[in-house]
Protein backbone atom coordinates (compact mmCIF):
# COMPACT_ATOMS: atom_id res chain seq x y z
CA UNK A 1 -9.58 -23.48 14.29
CA UNK A 2 -7.76 -22.89 11.03
CA UNK A 3 -9.21 -21.79 7.70
CA UNK A 4 -7.54 -22.18 4.34
CA UNK A 5 -6.67 -18.91 2.60
CA UNK A 6 -8.16 -19.20 -0.92
CA UNK A 7 -6.09 -16.58 -2.75
CA UNK A 8 -2.89 -16.88 -4.66
CA UNK A 9 0.21 -14.70 -4.93
CA UNK A 10 -1.62 -12.20 -7.18
CA UNK A 11 -4.06 -11.29 -4.42
CA UNK A 12 -1.17 -10.85 -1.99
CA UNK A 13 0.72 -8.65 -4.47
CA UNK A 14 -2.28 -6.42 -5.19
CA UNK A 15 -3.22 -6.13 -1.53
CA UNK A 16 0.25 -5.10 -0.45
CA UNK A 17 0.56 -2.76 -3.42
CA UNK A 18 -2.59 -0.94 -2.31
CA UNK A 19 -1.35 -0.79 1.30
CA UNK A 20 1.92 0.79 0.18
CA UNK A 21 0.13 3.26 -2.10
CA UNK A 22 -2.16 4.30 0.75
CA UNK A 23 0.84 4.87 3.03
CA UNK A 24 2.64 6.83 0.31
CA UNK A 25 -0.46 8.96 -0.26
CA UNK A 26 -0.41 9.95 3.42
CA UNK A 27 3.26 10.94 3.21
CA UNK A 28 2.76 13.00 0.04
CA UNK A 29 -0.28 14.84 1.38
CA UNK A 30 1.64 15.47 4.62
CA UNK A 31 4.42 17.03 2.56
CA UNK A 32 1.94 19.28 0.78
CA UNK A 33 0.23 20.26 4.04
CA UNK A 34 3.57 21.25 5.57
CA UNK A 35 5.00 23.10 2.60
CA UNK A 36 4.99 26.41 4.51
CA UNK A 37 6.49 24.95 7.68
CA UNK A 38 10.03 26.11 8.36
CA UNK A 39 12.26 23.18 9.20
CA UNK A 40 9.97 20.57 7.65
CA UNK A 41 11.70 17.93 5.56
CA UNK A 42 9.55 16.17 2.96
CA UNK A 43 9.26 12.40 3.27
CA UNK A 44 8.56 9.67 0.74
CA UNK A 45 8.96 5.94 0.28
CA UNK A 46 10.36 4.04 -2.66
CA UNK A 47 7.25 2.18 -3.84
CA UNK A 48 9.06 -0.58 -5.76
CA UNK A 49 11.67 -1.23 -3.06
CA UNK A 50 9.01 -1.37 -0.35
CA UNK A 51 6.83 -3.70 -2.43
CA UNK A 52 9.78 -6.00 -3.13
CA UNK A 53 10.53 -6.16 0.60
CA UNK A 54 6.87 -6.82 1.44
CA UNK A 55 6.62 -9.63 -1.11
CA UNK A 56 9.59 -11.48 0.40
CA UNK A 57 7.54 -12.33 3.49
CA UNK A 58 5.61 -15.55 2.94
CA UNK A 59 1.84 -15.32 3.04
CA UNK A 60 0.43 -17.63 5.73
CA UNK A 61 -1.42 -20.64 4.33
CA UNK A 62 -4.03 -20.34 7.06
CA UNK A 63 -5.57 -17.76 9.35
CA UNK A 64 -6.27 -18.29 13.03
CA UNK A 65 -9.91 -17.78 13.97
CA UNK A 66 -10.90 -16.62 17.46
CA UNK A 67 -14.59 -16.93 16.73
CA UNK A 68 -16.26 -18.55 13.73
CA UNK A 69 -17.41 -15.12 12.51
CA UNK A 70 -14.22 -13.14 13.18
CA UNK A 71 -10.61 -13.10 12.02
CA UNK A 72 -7.86 -12.26 14.44
CA UNK A 73 -6.02 -9.05 13.90
CA UNK A 74 -3.14 -9.98 11.64
CA UNK A 75 0.31 -9.43 13.04
CA UNK A 76 1.85 -6.70 10.96
CA UNK A 77 4.99 -8.07 9.40
CA UNK A 78 8.16 -6.02 9.56
CA UNK A 79 8.03 -5.51 5.79
CA UNK A 80 4.72 -3.66 6.01
CA UNK A 81 6.01 -1.12 8.48
CA UNK A 82 6.78 1.67 6.06
CA UNK A 83 8.42 4.65 7.67
CA UNK A 84 8.87 7.51 5.26
CA UNK A 85 12.41 8.40 4.35
CA UNK A 86 13.43 12.05 4.50
CA UNK A 87 14.36 13.21 1.03
CA UNK A 88 18.03 14.11 0.66
CA UNK A 89 17.55 17.32 -1.32
CA UNK A 90 15.38 18.94 1.37
CA UNK A 91 16.69 22.16 2.87
CA UNK A 92 15.13 22.49 6.31
CA UNK A 93 16.00 26.18 6.77
CA UNK A 94 13.94 27.48 3.85
CA UNK A 95 10.24 27.56 3.12
CA UNK A 96 10.78 25.97 -0.28
CA UNK A 97 11.93 22.59 1.03
CA UNK A 98 8.75 21.06 -0.44
CA UNK A 99 8.62 21.20 -4.24
CA UNK A 100 4.89 21.39 -4.95
CA UNK A 101 5.34 20.33 -8.58
CA UNK A 102 7.21 17.18 -7.58
CA UNK A 103 4.69 16.40 -4.84
CA UNK A 104 1.71 16.82 -7.17
CA UNK A 105 3.44 14.63 -9.76
CA UNK A 106 4.08 11.99 -7.07
CA UNK A 107 0.43 12.22 -6.00
CA UNK A 108 -0.84 11.62 -9.55
CA UNK A 109 1.59 8.73 -10.09
CA UNK A 110 0.60 7.15 -6.79
CA UNK A 111 -3.11 7.58 -7.57
CA UNK A 112 -2.68 5.76 -10.87
CA UNK A 113 -0.82 2.90 -9.15
CA UNK A 114 -3.52 2.57 -6.49
CA UNK A 115 -6.42 2.69 -8.95
CA UNK A 116 -4.74 0.15 -11.23
CA UNK A 117 -4.19 -2.28 -8.34
CA UNK A 118 -7.79 -1.78 -7.17
CA UNK A 119 -9.15 -2.46 -10.67
CA UNK A 120 -7.02 -5.58 -11.02
CA UNK A 121 -8.20 -6.82 -7.63
CA UNK A 122 -11.84 -6.22 -8.59
CA UNK A 123 -11.34 -8.19 -11.80
CA UNK A 124 -9.66 -11.01 -9.88
CA UNK A 125 -12.62 -11.15 -7.48
CA UNK A 126 -15.01 -11.03 -10.46
CA UNK A 127 -13.32 -14.08 -11.96
CA UNK A 128 -13.62 -15.88 -8.62
CA UNK A 129 -17.32 -14.97 -8.39
CA UNK A 130 -17.89 -16.16 -11.94
CA UNK A 131 -16.16 -19.44 -11.14
CA UNK A 132 -18.19 -19.92 -7.96
CA UNK A 133 -21.42 -19.37 -9.87
CA UNK A 134 -20.35 -22.32 -12.04
CA UNK A 135 -19.53 -20.19 -15.05
CA UNK A 136 -22.86 -18.40 -15.19
CA UNK A 137 -24.90 -21.52 -15.98
């Protein structure tokens, strides 16, 4: 059984943007948690580059249903596998390999990106709900 996917490219963009922000949040908080670990190298991902790569994969026009009430687990595309890259300026033999100011700045920036995408997605869904209610007759 196949169901049509009712969202456009905007939904796909916002969804993947939030996925990448969530992954980046985990990397940043991992860096902060390990700031006193000797030999730890901070990791991060390039948000824009990862999003560009993720958007190159076409969104399927349908989803396969295993049961009328359930979706199958989506196969994770290669573009959404986001391993963190070790930052070049890290010095693994010193305790100060994690720059707390940079990490906190990255955390704030990432939070703003995530919250903006979430707000845009909520507005997009609100427009869809308004349309489905026939314009609030």
